Amino acid sequence: MVQDNEKKGSNKESELRELRKVYGPVEADVIKSFLESQGISCILRGRMLQSVMPYTVDGLAEIKVLVAEKDFEIADRLLESAKKFQEDEEET
């Protein structure tokens, strides 16, 4: 029984959650690089049509940025603070 509970706990840590949805590989790579520089692993999942048709039609260029459930809150806060910093810089 103890082993079953340990397995359930480890599955919770490895579950992925969608952090952001972006529409191009450049933005997805910037987010991934930023998160990884903060020690948060992420996975990019999307339709790989950007290399064949480099434009967005009905979400074909959609890329989902996924992080582990355990990292979701901190990753979300990091991206929000980076966005706020960028907006502050643009105002000055």
N, C-alpha and C. Protein backbone atom coordinates (compact mmCIF):
# COMPACT_ATOMS: atom_id res chain seq x y z
N MET A 1 0.80 -1.20 0.00
CA MET A 1 0.00 0.00 0.00
C MET A 1 0.85 1.26 0.00
N VAL A 2 1.92 1.28 0.76
CA VAL A 2 2.77 2.46 0.83
C VAL A 2 3.36 2.77 -0.54
N GLN A 3 3.75 1.72 -1.26
CA GLN A 3 4.31 1.93 -2.58
C GLN A 3 3.28 2.55 -3.52
N ASP A 4 2.03 2.14 -3.43
CA ASP A 4 0.99 2.71 -4.28
C ASP A 4 0.83 4.20 -4.01
N ASN A 5 0.84 4.62 -2.77
CA ASN A 5 0.73 6.03 -2.43
C ASN A 5 1.92 6.82 -2.92
N GLU A 6 3.12 6.23 -2.82
CA GLU A 6 4.31 6.90 -3.31
C GLU A 6 4.24 7.09 -4.82
N LYS A 7 3.74 6.10 -5.53
CA LYS A 7 3.60 6.22 -6.98
C LYS A 7 2.61 7.31 -7.34
N LYS A 8 1.50 7.38 -6.61
CA LYS A 8 0.51 8.43 -6.89
C LYS A 8 1.12 9.81 -6.67
N GLY A 9 1.91 9.97 -5.64
CA GLY A 9 2.56 11.24 -5.36
C GLY A 9 3.54 11.62 -6.46
N SER A 10 4.30 10.65 -6.94
CA SER A 10 5.26 10.94 -7.99
C SER A 10 4.56 11.24 -9.30
N ASN A 11 3.40 10.64 -9.56
CA ASN A 11 2.64 10.96 -10.76
C ASN A 11 2.15 12.39 -10.71
N LYS A 12 1.76 12.86 -9.54
CA LYS A 12 1.30 14.24 -9.38
C LYS A 12 2.41 15.21 -9.74
N GLU A 13 3.63 14.89 -9.37
CA GLU A 13 4.76 15.75 -9.69
C GLU A 13 5.06 15.77 -11.18
N SER A 14 4.78 14.67 -11.87
CA SER A 14 5.11 14.61 -13.29
C SER A 14 3.94 15.00 -14.19
N GLU A 15 2.77 15.29 -13.62
CA GLU A 15 1.65 15.73 -14.44
C GLU A 15 1.96 17.09 -15.04
N LEU A 16 1.58 17.27 -16.28
CA LEU A 16 1.83 18.54 -16.97
C LEU A 16 0.58 19.40 -16.97
N ARG A 17 0.81 20.69 -16.95
CA ARG A 17 -0.29 21.65 -16.98
C ARG A 17 0.05 22.74 -17.99
N GLU A 18 -0.94 23.15 -18.75
CA GLU A 18 -0.73 24.19 -19.76
C GLU A 18 -0.54 25.54 -19.08
N LEU A 19 0.61 26.14 -19.33
CA LEU A 19 0.93 27.43 -18.75
C LEU A 19 0.51 28.58 -19.66
N ARG A 20 0.82 28.45 -20.93
CA ARG A 20 0.47 29.47 -21.91
C ARG A 20 0.19 28.81 -23.25
N LYS A 21 -0.54 29.53 -24.07
CA LYS A 21 -0.78 29.13 -25.44
C LYS A 21 -0.29 30.30 -26.30
N VAL A 22 0.65 30.03 -27.19
CA VAL A 22 1.21 31.08 -28.05
C VAL A 22 1.03 30.67 -29.50
N TYR A 23 1.28 31.62 -30.39
CA TYR A 23 1.01 31.36 -31.80
C TYR A 23 2.25 31.60 -32.67
N GLY A 24 3.31 30.96 -32.30
CA GLY A 24 4.53 31.03 -33.10
C GLY A 24 5.71 30.48 -32.33
N PRO A 25 6.67 29.92 -33.05
CA PRO A 25 7.81 29.28 -32.40
C PRO A 25 8.76 30.24 -31.71
N VAL A 26 8.83 31.48 -32.18
CA VAL A 26 9.76 32.43 -31.56
C VAL A 26 9.32 32.75 -30.14
N GLU A 27 8.04 33.10 -29.96
CA GLU A 27 7.54 33.40 -28.62
C GLU A 27 7.65 32.18 -27.71
N ALA A 28 7.34 31.01 -28.24
CA ALA A 28 7.44 29.78 -27.45
C ALA A 28 8.87 29.54 -26.99
N ASP A 29 9.84 29.74 -27.87
CA ASP A 29 11.24 29.53 -27.51
C ASP A 29 11.73 30.55 -26.48
N VAL A 30 11.25 31.79 -26.59
CA VAL A 30 11.63 32.81 -25.61
C VAL A 30 11.12 32.42 -24.22
N ILE A 31 9.86 31.99 -24.15
CA ILE A 31 9.28 31.58 -22.88
C ILE A 31 10.03 30.38 -22.31
N LYS A 32 10.30 29.40 -23.17
CA LYS A 32 11.02 28.20 -22.73
C LYS A 32 12.41 28.56 -22.19
N SER A 33 13.13 29.41 -22.90
CA SER A 33 14.47 29.81 -22.45
C SER A 33 14.42 30.54 -21.12
N PHE A 34 13.43 31.44 -20.99
CA PHE A 34 13.29 32.19 -19.74
C PHE A 34 13.01 31.25 -18.57
N LEU A 35 12.06 30.35 -18.74
CA LEU A 35 11.71 29.43 -17.66
C LEU A 35 12.89 28.53 -17.30
N GLU A 36 13.56 28.01 -18.30
CA GLU A 36 14.70 27.13 -18.03
C GLU A 36 15.83 27.89 -17.34
N SER A 37 15.99 29.19 -17.63
CA SER A 37 17.01 29.98 -16.95
C SER A 37 16.67 30.17 -15.48
N GLN A 38 15.38 29.99 -15.14
CA GLN A 38 14.92 30.09 -13.76
C GLN A 38 14.83 28.72 -13.09
N GLY A 39 15.28 27.68 -13.78
CA GLY A 39 15.29 26.33 -13.22
C GLY A 39 13.99 25.57 -13.37
N ILE A 40 13.13 26.02 -14.27
CA ILE A 40 11.84 25.36 -14.49
C ILE A 40 11.85 24.70 -15.86
N SER A 41 11.71 23.39 -15.88
CA SER A 41 11.66 22.65 -17.14
C SER A 41 10.29 22.83 -17.77
N CYS A 42 10.28 22.87 -19.09
CA CYS A 42 8.99 22.96 -19.77
C CYS A 42 9.06 22.21 -21.09
N ILE A 43 7.90 21.94 -21.61
CA ILE A 43 7.76 21.22 -22.88
C ILE A 43 6.91 22.08 -23.80
N LEU A 44 7.31 22.14 -25.05
CA LEU A 44 6.52 22.83 -26.07
C LEU A 44 5.79 21.78 -26.88
N ARG A 45 4.49 21.94 -26.98
CA ARG A 45 3.69 20.99 -27.73
C ARG A 45 2.82 21.76 -28.71
N GLY A 46 2.90 21.39 -29.97
CA GLY A 46 2.08 22.08 -30.95
C GLY A 46 2.08 21.37 -32.27
N ARG A 47 1.35 21.97 -33.14
CA ARG A 47 1.29 21.45 -34.51
C ARG A 47 2.49 21.99 -35.26
N MET A 48 3.26 21.12 -35.81
CA MET A 48 4.52 21.52 -36.42
C MET A 48 4.37 22.02 -37.86
N LEU A 49 3.29 22.68 -38.14
CA LEU A 49 3.07 23.18 -39.49
C LEU A 49 3.78 24.50 -39.75
N GLN A 50 4.34 25.13 -38.72
CA GLN A 50 4.99 26.42 -38.92
C GLN A 50 6.11 26.34 -39.95
N SER A 51 6.80 25.22 -39.99
CA SER A 51 7.91 25.09 -40.93
C SER A 51 7.42 24.90 -42.37
N VAL A 52 6.21 24.38 -42.53
CA VAL A 52 5.65 24.17 -43.86
C VAL A 52 4.85 25.39 -44.30
N MET A 53 4.00 25.89 -43.38
CA MET A 53 3.16 27.05 -43.67
C MET A 53 3.43 28.08 -42.58
N PRO A 54 4.37 29.00 -42.82
CA PRO A 54 4.78 29.93 -41.75
C PRO A 54 3.81 31.08 -41.51
N TYR A 55 2.55 30.78 -41.37
CA TYR A 55 1.56 31.78 -41.02
C TYR A 55 0.47 31.11 -40.20
N THR A 56 -0.30 31.93 -39.51
CA THR A 56 -1.31 31.40 -38.60
C THR A 56 -2.68 31.44 -39.25
N VAL A 57 -3.31 30.28 -39.33
CA VAL A 57 -4.68 30.17 -39.81
C VAL A 57 -5.42 29.24 -38.86
N ASP A 58 -6.46 29.75 -38.24
CA ASP A 58 -7.29 28.95 -37.34
C ASP A 58 -6.48 28.17 -36.31
N GLY A 59 -5.46 28.78 -35.76
CA GLY A 59 -4.70 28.14 -34.70
C GLY A 59 -3.71 27.09 -35.14
N LEU A 60 -3.39 27.02 -36.43
CA LEU A 60 -2.45 26.00 -36.89
C LEU A 60 -1.06 26.20 -36.29
N ALA A 61 -0.71 27.43 -35.97
CA ALA A 61 0.62 27.69 -35.40
C ALA A 61 0.59 27.66 -33.88
N GLU A 62 -0.48 27.19 -33.29
CA GLU A 62 -0.63 27.17 -31.84
C GLU A 62 0.41 26.24 -31.20
N ILE A 63 1.06 26.77 -30.19
CA ILE A 63 2.03 25.99 -29.41
C ILE A 63 1.65 26.15 -27.95
N LYS A 64 1.57 25.04 -27.24
CA LYS A 64 1.26 25.05 -25.82
C LYS A 64 2.55 24.90 -25.04
N VAL A 65 2.70 25.76 -24.04
CA VAL A 65 3.84 25.68 -23.13
C VAL A 65 3.36 24.93 -21.90
N LEU A 66 3.96 23.78 -21.65
CA LEU A 66 3.54 22.91 -20.54
C LEU A 66 4.64 22.85 -19.48
N VAL A 67 4.21 22.90 -18.22
CA VAL A 67 5.15 22.75 -17.11
C VAL A 67 4.59 21.71 -16.15
N ALA A 68 5.44 21.21 -15.28
CA ALA A 68 4.99 20.26 -14.26
C ALA A 68 4.00 20.97 -13.34
N GLU A 69 3.01 20.23 -12.90
CA GLU A 69 1.99 20.80 -12.00
C GLU A 69 2.64 21.49 -10.80
N LYS A 70 3.69 20.89 -10.26
CA LYS A 70 4.35 21.45 -9.07
C LYS A 70 5.03 22.79 -9.35
N ASP A 71 5.36 23.07 -10.62
CA ASP A 71 6.04 24.32 -10.99
C ASP A 71 5.09 25.37 -11.55
N PHE A 72 3.82 25.03 -11.70
CA PHE A 72 2.90 25.91 -12.41
C PHE A 72 2.79 27.30 -11.78
N GLU A 73 2.55 27.37 -10.47
CA GLU A 73 2.33 28.67 -9.83
C GLU A 73 3.54 29.59 -9.95
N ILE A 74 4.72 29.07 -9.69
CA ILE A 74 5.92 29.92 -9.77
C ILE A 74 6.19 30.32 -11.21
N ALA A 75 5.99 29.41 -12.15
CA ALA A 75 6.20 29.74 -13.56
C ALA A 75 5.23 30.82 -14.02
N ASP A 76 3.99 30.72 -13.59
CA ASP A 76 2.99 31.72 -13.94
C ASP A 76 3.36 33.08 -13.37
N ARG A 77 3.79 33.10 -12.11
CA ARG A 77 4.20 34.37 -11.49
C ARG A 77 5.41 34.97 -12.19
N LEU A 78 6.36 34.12 -12.57
CA LEU A 78 7.55 34.62 -13.27
C LEU A 78 7.18 35.26 -14.61
N LEU A 79 6.31 34.60 -15.36
CA LEU A 79 5.91 35.17 -16.65
C LEU A 79 5.11 36.46 -16.48
N GLU A 80 4.26 36.51 -15.47
CA GLU A 80 3.49 37.73 -15.22
C GLU A 80 4.42 38.88 -14.82
N SER A 81 5.42 38.60 -13.99
CA SER A 81 6.33 39.67 -13.58
C SER A 81 7.21 40.12 -14.75
N ALA A 82 7.59 39.19 -15.62
CA ALA A 82 8.36 39.56 -16.80
C ALA A 82 7.52 40.41 -17.74
N LYS A 83 6.25 40.08 -17.88
CA LYS A 83 5.34 40.86 -18.72
C LYS A 83 5.18 42.27 -18.16
N LYS A 84 5.01 42.38 -16.84
CA LYS A 84 4.85 43.68 -16.20
C LYS A 84 6.12 44.51 -16.37
N PHE A 85 7.28 43.87 -16.21
CA PHE A 85 8.55 44.57 -16.39
C PHE A 85 8.67 45.09 -17.82
N GLN A 86 8.30 44.29 -18.79
CA GLN A 86 8.37 44.69 -20.20
C GLN A 86 7.44 45.88 -20.46
N GLU A 87 6.23 45.84 -19.90
CA GLU A 87 5.30 46.93 -20.08
C GLU A 87 5.81 48.21 -19.44
N ASP A 88 6.44 48.11 -18.26
CA ASP A 88 7.02 49.28 -17.60
C ASP A 88 8.15 49.87 -18.43
N GLU A 89 8.97 48.99 -19.03
CA GLU A 89 10.07 49.46 -19.87
C GLU A 89 9.57 50.18 -21.12
N GLU A 90 8.47 49.68 -21.69
CA GLU A 90 7.92 50.29 -22.89
C GLU A 90 7.34 51.68 -22.60
N GLU A 91 6.86 51.89 -21.38
CA GLU A 91 6.28 53.18 -21.00
C GLU A 91 7.35 54.25 -20.84
N THR A 92 8.57 53.86 -20.48
CA THR A 92 9.63 54.84 -20.24
C THR A 92 10.38 55.19 -21.49
